[in-house]
Amino acid sequence: MPTAATTTDPPMTGRPRKRSLTLRGHRTSVSLEDPFWDEFRAIARADGVSVSALAARIDEERGLDIGLASAIRLFVLRRVKEQADSPAAHQP
């Protein structure tokens, strides 16, 4: 059952925004919603890599049947779920 939004939940930002990246020396853009972009940047920072380097890694690993923006969203979702499922996330 979905939970009701609380006053601390960030507002939905709506449409994706284009962001510029450099993948293996080539400029490209990806359209992501602000919450996905913010979390993607936080993951890159935590991993000690640039956003472009992390995007290039995801780009190399994705299949031809999925776009880069979708691959980034799925990557972010997977990482957030892994963090939520980790034992450290359940400690007081």
N, C-alpha and C. Protein backbone atom coordinates (compact mmCIF):
# COMPACT_ATOMS: atom_id res chain seq x y z
N MET A 1 0.84 -1.17 0.00
CA MET A 1 0.00 0.00 0.00
C MET A 1 0.89 1.24 0.00
N PRO A 2 0.67 2.21 -0.89
CA PRO A 2 1.51 3.40 -0.95
C PRO A 2 1.36 4.23 0.33
N THR A 3 2.43 4.87 0.70
CA THR A 3 2.37 5.73 1.88
C THR A 3 2.09 7.16 1.45
N ALA A 4 1.46 7.90 2.33
CA ALA A 4 1.17 9.30 2.03
C ALA A 4 2.46 10.11 2.13
N ALA A 5 2.58 11.10 1.29
CA ALA A 5 3.75 11.98 1.32
C ALA A 5 3.72 12.80 2.60
N THR A 6 4.89 12.99 3.18
CA THR A 6 4.98 13.82 4.37
C THR A 6 5.55 15.17 3.99
N THR A 7 5.55 16.06 4.94
CA THR A 7 6.06 17.40 4.65
C THR A 7 7.57 17.40 4.40
N THR A 8 8.26 16.30 4.76
CA THR A 8 9.71 16.25 4.52
C THR A 8 10.05 15.64 3.16
N ASP A 9 9.06 15.07 2.47
CA ASP A 9 9.32 14.51 1.15
C ASP A 9 9.57 15.62 0.16
N PRO A 10 10.58 15.46 -0.73
CA PRO A 10 10.82 16.50 -1.73
C PRO A 10 9.66 16.53 -2.72
N PRO A 11 9.34 17.69 -3.24
CA PRO A 11 8.25 17.77 -4.21
C PRO A 11 8.66 17.09 -5.51
N MET A 12 7.69 16.55 -6.22
CA MET A 12 7.96 15.97 -7.52
C MET A 12 8.34 17.09 -8.47
N THR A 13 9.40 16.90 -9.20
CA THR A 13 9.89 17.96 -10.07
C THR A 13 9.35 17.89 -11.48
N GLY A 14 8.68 16.80 -11.81
CA GLY A 14 8.07 16.73 -13.13
C GLY A 14 9.00 16.26 -14.21
N ARG A 15 9.14 17.08 -15.21
CA ARG A 15 9.87 16.69 -16.42
C ARG A 15 11.36 16.51 -16.20
N PRO A 16 11.93 15.58 -16.96
CA PRO A 16 13.39 15.43 -16.92
C PRO A 16 14.07 16.69 -17.49
N ARG A 17 15.29 16.93 -17.04
CA ARG A 17 16.09 18.03 -17.57
C ARG A 17 17.31 17.45 -18.26
N LYS A 18 17.72 18.10 -19.35
CA LYS A 18 18.91 17.65 -20.07
C LYS A 18 20.16 18.03 -19.31
N ARG A 19 21.09 17.09 -19.26
CA ARG A 19 22.41 17.31 -18.63
C ARG A 19 23.47 16.91 -19.65
N SER A 20 24.52 17.68 -19.71
CA SER A 20 25.61 17.39 -20.64
C SER A 20 26.65 16.51 -19.96
N LEU A 21 27.13 15.53 -20.71
CA LEU A 21 28.17 14.62 -20.24
C LEU A 21 29.20 14.43 -21.34
N THR A 22 30.38 13.99 -20.94
CA THR A 22 31.40 13.60 -21.90
C THR A 22 31.66 12.11 -21.70
N LEU A 23 31.36 11.33 -22.73
CA LEU A 23 31.58 9.88 -22.67
C LEU A 23 32.70 9.52 -23.63
N ARG A 24 33.81 9.09 -23.06
CA ARG A 24 34.98 8.69 -23.86
C ARG A 24 35.34 9.76 -24.90
N GLY A 25 35.38 11.01 -24.46
CA GLY A 25 35.80 12.11 -25.31
C GLY A 25 34.73 12.73 -26.18
N HIS A 26 33.51 12.22 -26.13
CA HIS A 26 32.42 12.75 -26.95
C HIS A 26 31.34 13.36 -26.07
N ARG A 27 30.90 14.56 -26.44
CA ARG A 27 29.83 15.22 -25.70
C ARG A 27 28.50 14.58 -26.05
N THR A 28 27.67 14.39 -25.04
CA THR A 28 26.32 13.88 -25.23
C THR A 28 25.45 14.48 -24.14
N SER A 29 24.17 14.25 -24.23
CA SER A 29 23.28 14.72 -23.17
C SER A 29 22.37 13.59 -22.76
N VAL A 30 21.91 13.68 -21.53
CA VAL A 30 21.00 12.70 -20.98
C VAL A 30 19.92 13.47 -20.23
N SER A 31 18.68 13.04 -20.35
CA SER A 31 17.56 13.69 -19.67
C SER A 31 17.16 12.88 -18.46
N LEU A 32 17.32 13.49 -17.28
CA LEU A 32 16.97 12.85 -16.02
C LEU A 32 16.20 13.81 -15.13
N GLU A 33 15.32 13.27 -14.33
CA GLU A 33 14.62 14.05 -13.32
C GLU A 33 15.63 14.45 -12.23
N ASP A 34 15.38 15.57 -11.59
CA ASP A 34 16.31 16.08 -10.57
C ASP A 34 16.65 15.06 -9.49
N PRO A 35 15.68 14.32 -8.91
CA PRO A 35 16.05 13.36 -7.86
C PRO A 35 16.99 12.27 -8.35
N PHE A 36 16.81 11.79 -9.58
CA PHE A 36 17.72 10.79 -10.13
C PHE A 36 19.10 11.39 -10.36
N TRP A 37 19.15 12.59 -10.90
CA TRP A 37 20.43 13.25 -11.15
C TRP A 37 21.18 13.50 -9.84
N ASP A 38 20.46 13.97 -8.82
CA ASP A 38 21.09 14.24 -7.53
C ASP A 38 21.67 12.97 -6.93
N GLU A 39 20.91 11.89 -6.98
CA GLU A 39 21.40 10.62 -6.43
C GLU A 39 22.55 10.06 -7.26
N PHE A 40 22.47 10.22 -8.57
CA PHE A 40 23.54 9.78 -9.46
C PHE A 40 24.84 10.50 -9.12
N ARG A 41 24.76 11.81 -8.93
CA ARG A 41 25.95 12.59 -8.54
C ARG A 41 26.49 12.14 -7.20
N ALA A 42 25.60 11.85 -6.24
CA ALA A 42 26.03 11.40 -4.91
C ALA A 42 26.73 10.04 -5.00
N ILE A 43 26.22 9.16 -5.83
CA ILE A 43 26.86 7.85 -6.02
C ILE A 43 28.25 8.02 -6.63
N ALA A 44 28.35 8.85 -7.64
CA ALA A 44 29.66 9.09 -8.27
C ALA A 44 30.65 9.64 -7.24
N ARG A 45 30.20 10.60 -6.45
CA ARG A 45 31.05 11.19 -5.41
C ARG A 45 31.48 10.12 -4.40
N ALA A 46 30.53 9.29 -3.96
CA ALA A 46 30.84 8.24 -2.99
C ALA A 46 31.81 7.21 -3.57
N ASP A 47 31.71 6.96 -4.87
CA ASP A 47 32.61 6.00 -5.54
C ASP A 47 33.94 6.63 -5.92
N GLY A 48 34.07 7.94 -5.75
CA GLY A 48 35.32 8.62 -6.07
C GLY A 48 35.58 8.77 -7.55
N VAL A 49 34.50 8.86 -8.34
CA VAL A 49 34.64 9.03 -9.78
C VAL A 49 33.81 10.22 -10.24
N SER A 50 34.10 10.69 -11.43
CA SER A 50 33.31 11.78 -11.98
C SER A 50 31.98 11.23 -12.49
N VAL A 51 31.02 12.12 -12.63
CA VAL A 51 29.72 11.74 -13.19
C VAL A 51 29.91 11.17 -14.60
N SER A 52 30.78 11.79 -15.38
CA SER A 52 31.02 11.31 -16.75
C SER A 52 31.65 9.92 -16.75
N ALA A 53 32.57 9.67 -15.83
CA ALA A 53 33.20 8.35 -15.77
C ALA A 53 32.18 7.28 -15.38
N LEU A 54 31.32 7.60 -14.42
CA LEU A 54 30.29 6.65 -14.01
C LEU A 54 29.29 6.42 -15.15
N ALA A 55 28.90 7.47 -15.83
CA ALA A 55 27.99 7.34 -16.97
C ALA A 55 28.63 6.50 -18.08
N ALA A 56 29.93 6.67 -18.31
CA ALA A 56 30.62 5.89 -19.34
C ALA A 56 30.62 4.41 -18.97
N ARG A 57 30.82 4.11 -17.70
CA ARG A 57 30.79 2.72 -17.26
C ARG A 57 29.40 2.11 -17.47
N ILE A 58 28.37 2.86 -17.11
CA ILE A 58 27.00 2.39 -17.31
C ILE A 58 26.71 2.22 -18.79
N ASP A 59 27.20 3.16 -19.59
CA ASP A 59 27.01 3.11 -21.04
C ASP A 59 27.63 1.85 -21.63
N GLU A 60 28.81 1.49 -21.16
CA GLU A 60 29.50 0.30 -21.66
C GLU A 60 28.77 -0.98 -21.27
N GLU A 61 28.11 -0.98 -20.11
CA GLU A 61 27.48 -2.18 -19.58
C GLU A 61 26.03 -2.36 -20.04
N ARG A 62 25.42 -1.29 -20.56
CA ARG A 62 24.00 -1.39 -20.93
C ARG A 62 23.86 -2.13 -22.25
N GLY A 63 22.70 -2.70 -22.45
CA GLY A 63 22.41 -3.36 -23.71
C GLY A 63 21.97 -2.34 -24.74
N LEU A 64 21.91 -2.79 -25.97
CA LEU A 64 21.50 -1.90 -27.06
C LEU A 64 20.02 -1.59 -27.02
N ASP A 65 19.26 -2.36 -26.24
CA ASP A 65 17.82 -2.17 -26.19
C ASP A 65 17.37 -1.19 -25.10
N ILE A 66 18.31 -0.54 -24.43
CA ILE A 66 17.96 0.40 -23.37
C ILE A 66 18.74 1.69 -23.57
N GLY A 67 18.07 2.81 -23.40
CA GLY A 67 18.72 4.10 -23.53
C GLY A 67 19.58 4.42 -22.33
N LEU A 68 20.49 5.36 -22.50
CA LEU A 68 21.40 5.73 -21.42
C LEU A 68 20.66 6.27 -20.21
N ALA A 69 19.68 7.15 -20.42
CA ALA A 69 18.94 7.71 -19.29
C ALA A 69 18.24 6.61 -18.49
N SER A 70 17.62 5.67 -19.18
CA SER A 70 16.96 4.56 -18.50
C SER A 70 17.97 3.70 -17.75
N ALA A 71 19.12 3.46 -18.37
CA ALA A 71 20.16 2.67 -17.72
C ALA A 71 20.66 3.36 -16.45
N ILE A 72 20.79 4.68 -16.48
CA ILE A 72 21.22 5.42 -15.30
C ILE A 72 20.15 5.33 -14.22
N ARG A 73 18.88 5.50 -14.59
CA ARG A 73 17.81 5.40 -13.60
C ARG A 73 17.81 4.03 -12.92
N LEU A 74 17.95 2.96 -13.72
CA LEU A 74 17.98 1.61 -13.16
C LEU A 74 19.20 1.41 -12.28
N PHE A 75 20.34 1.96 -12.67
CA PHE A 75 21.55 1.88 -11.85
C PHE A 75 21.33 2.56 -10.50
N VAL A 76 20.76 3.75 -10.53
CA VAL A 76 20.49 4.49 -9.29
C VAL A 76 19.53 3.70 -8.41
N LEU A 77 18.45 3.19 -8.99
CA LEU A 77 17.48 2.42 -8.23
C LEU A 77 18.14 1.20 -7.57
N ARG A 78 18.96 0.49 -8.34
CA ARG A 78 19.64 -0.68 -7.82
C ARG A 78 20.55 -0.32 -6.64
N ARG A 79 21.30 0.76 -6.78
CA ARG A 79 22.21 1.17 -5.70
C ARG A 79 21.44 1.61 -4.45
N VAL A 80 20.36 2.34 -4.64
CA VAL A 80 19.55 2.78 -3.49
C VAL A 80 18.96 1.56 -2.78
N LYS A 81 18.49 0.58 -3.55
CA LYS A 81 17.94 -0.62 -2.95
C LYS A 81 19.02 -1.41 -2.21
N GLU A 82 20.21 -1.49 -2.79
CA GLU A 82 21.32 -2.19 -2.12
C GLU A 82 21.66 -1.52 -0.80
N GLN A 83 21.68 -0.20 -0.79
CA GLN A 83 21.98 0.53 0.44
C GLN A 83 20.88 0.31 1.48
N ALA A 84 19.63 0.28 1.05
CA ALA A 84 18.51 0.08 1.97
C ALA A 84 18.53 -1.33 2.55
N ASP A 85 19.01 -2.29 1.76
CA ASP A 85 19.04 -3.69 2.19
C ASP A 85 20.29 -4.05 2.99
N SER A 86 21.28 -3.15 3.04
CA SER A 86 22.53 -3.46 3.72
C SER A 86 22.30 -3.49 5.24
N PRO A 87 23.07 -4.33 5.95
CA PRO A 87 22.93 -4.40 7.41
C PRO A 87 23.14 -3.05 8.08
N ALA A 88 24.02 -2.22 7.55
CA ALA A 88 24.27 -0.91 8.15
C ALA A 88 23.04 -0.02 8.11
N ALA A 89 22.17 -0.21 7.12
CA ALA A 89 20.97 0.60 6.99
C ALA A 89 19.96 0.26 8.07
N HIS A 90 20.10 -0.92 8.70
CA HIS A 90 19.12 -1.37 9.69
C HIS A 90 19.63 -1.25 11.11
N GLN A 91 20.81 -0.67 11.30
CA GLN A 91 21.34 -0.50 12.64
C GLN A 91 20.81 0.80 13.24
N PRO A 92 20.59 0.80 14.55
CA PRO A 92 20.09 2.02 15.21
C PRO A 92 21.08 3.13 15.24
